[in-house]
Protein backbone atom coordinates (compact mmCIF):
# COMPACT_ATOMS: atom_id res chain seq x y z
CA LYS A 1 43.28 106.84 25.78
CA ALA A 2 39.87 105.31 24.68
CA MET A 3 38.32 102.85 27.05
CA THR A 4 34.99 101.18 27.52
CA ASN A 5 32.38 103.07 29.41
CA THR A 6 31.55 100.41 31.90
CA ASP A 7 28.44 102.09 33.19
CA LEU A 8 26.80 102.63 29.93
CA LEU A 9 27.58 99.14 28.73
CA LYS A 10 26.29 97.57 31.87
CA GLU A 11 23.00 99.59 31.55
CA LYS A 12 22.77 98.55 27.91
CA ILE A 13 23.25 94.82 28.79
CA GLU A 14 20.68 95.05 31.62
CA LYS A 15 18.14 96.88 29.34
CA SER A 16 18.56 94.23 26.65
CA GLY A 17 17.48 91.51 29.12
CA LEU A 18 20.12 89.22 27.71
CA LYS A 19 22.22 86.89 30.05
CA ILE A 20 25.84 87.41 30.15
CA GLY A 21 26.55 84.00 29.12
CA PHE A 22 24.48 84.40 25.91
CA ILE A 23 26.28 87.62 24.99
CA ALA A 24 29.74 86.05 25.64
CA ASP A 25 28.87 83.00 23.54
CA PHE A 26 27.47 85.40 20.76
CA VAL A 27 30.80 87.34 20.71
CA GLY A 28 32.80 84.06 20.88
CA ILE A 29 34.54 84.73 24.23
CA SER A 30 34.22 83.24 27.66
CA ARG A 31 32.12 84.89 30.36
CA GLN A 32 35.27 85.68 32.44
CA LEU A 33 36.96 87.34 29.40
CA LEU A 34 33.64 89.37 28.76
CA TRP A 35 33.68 90.42 32.39
CA LYS A 36 37.23 91.62 32.06
CA LYS A 37 36.52 93.48 28.96
CA ILE A 38 33.42 95.21 30.44
CA ASN A 39 35.36 96.35 33.37
CA ASN A 40 38.35 97.58 31.31
CA LEU A 41 40.87 95.08 32.40
CA THR A 42 41.23 93.82 28.82
CA PRO A 43 40.28 96.00 25.72
CA PHE A 44 37.61 94.91 23.27
CA ASN A 45 38.99 94.32 19.72
CA GLN A 46 37.12 95.62 16.66
CA TYR A 47 35.35 92.24 15.92
CA GLU A 48 34.20 91.96 19.48
CA ILE A 49 32.86 95.59 19.48
CA ASP A 50 30.95 94.71 16.31
CA LYS A 51 29.46 91.63 17.72
CA MET A 52 28.59 93.51 20.95
CA CYS A 53 26.84 96.18 18.92
CA GLU A 54 25.05 93.45 16.96
CA VAL A 55 23.80 91.55 19.95
CA LEU A 56 22.83 94.71 22.03
CA ARG A 57 21.35 96.35 18.99
CA ILE A 58 23.52 99.50 19.08
CA THR A 59 23.04 100.92 15.73
CA SER A 60 24.01 104.58 16.48
CA LEU A 61 27.62 105.47 15.81
CA LYS A 62 27.33 108.00 18.59
CA LYS A 63 26.20 105.48 21.14
CA LYS A 64 28.87 103.01 20.00
CA GLU A 65 31.51 105.59 20.39
CA ALA A 66 30.12 106.67 23.82
CA ILE A 67 30.30 103.10 25.06
CA PHE A 68 33.44 101.62 23.36
CA PHE A 69 35.53 104.69 22.80
CA ALA A 70 35.07 106.71 25.94
CA ARG A 71 37.92 109.32 26.61
CA VAL A 72 39.39 109.11 30.04
């Protein structure tokens, strides 16, 4: 089953210097929902993954797959 790699995603968010509220607004979800998605309590949908990649400047398919489609 594919899941979000929480550690990699948190690291990417930290390095971006962006606030979690800004990222949530950009994606179009609440901060609470973003937190749940980051921590694998709720899955990201394709639109949200695309928006997350846009805001975090993830352009490599390999990096995108490592973060959002981690095998567990």
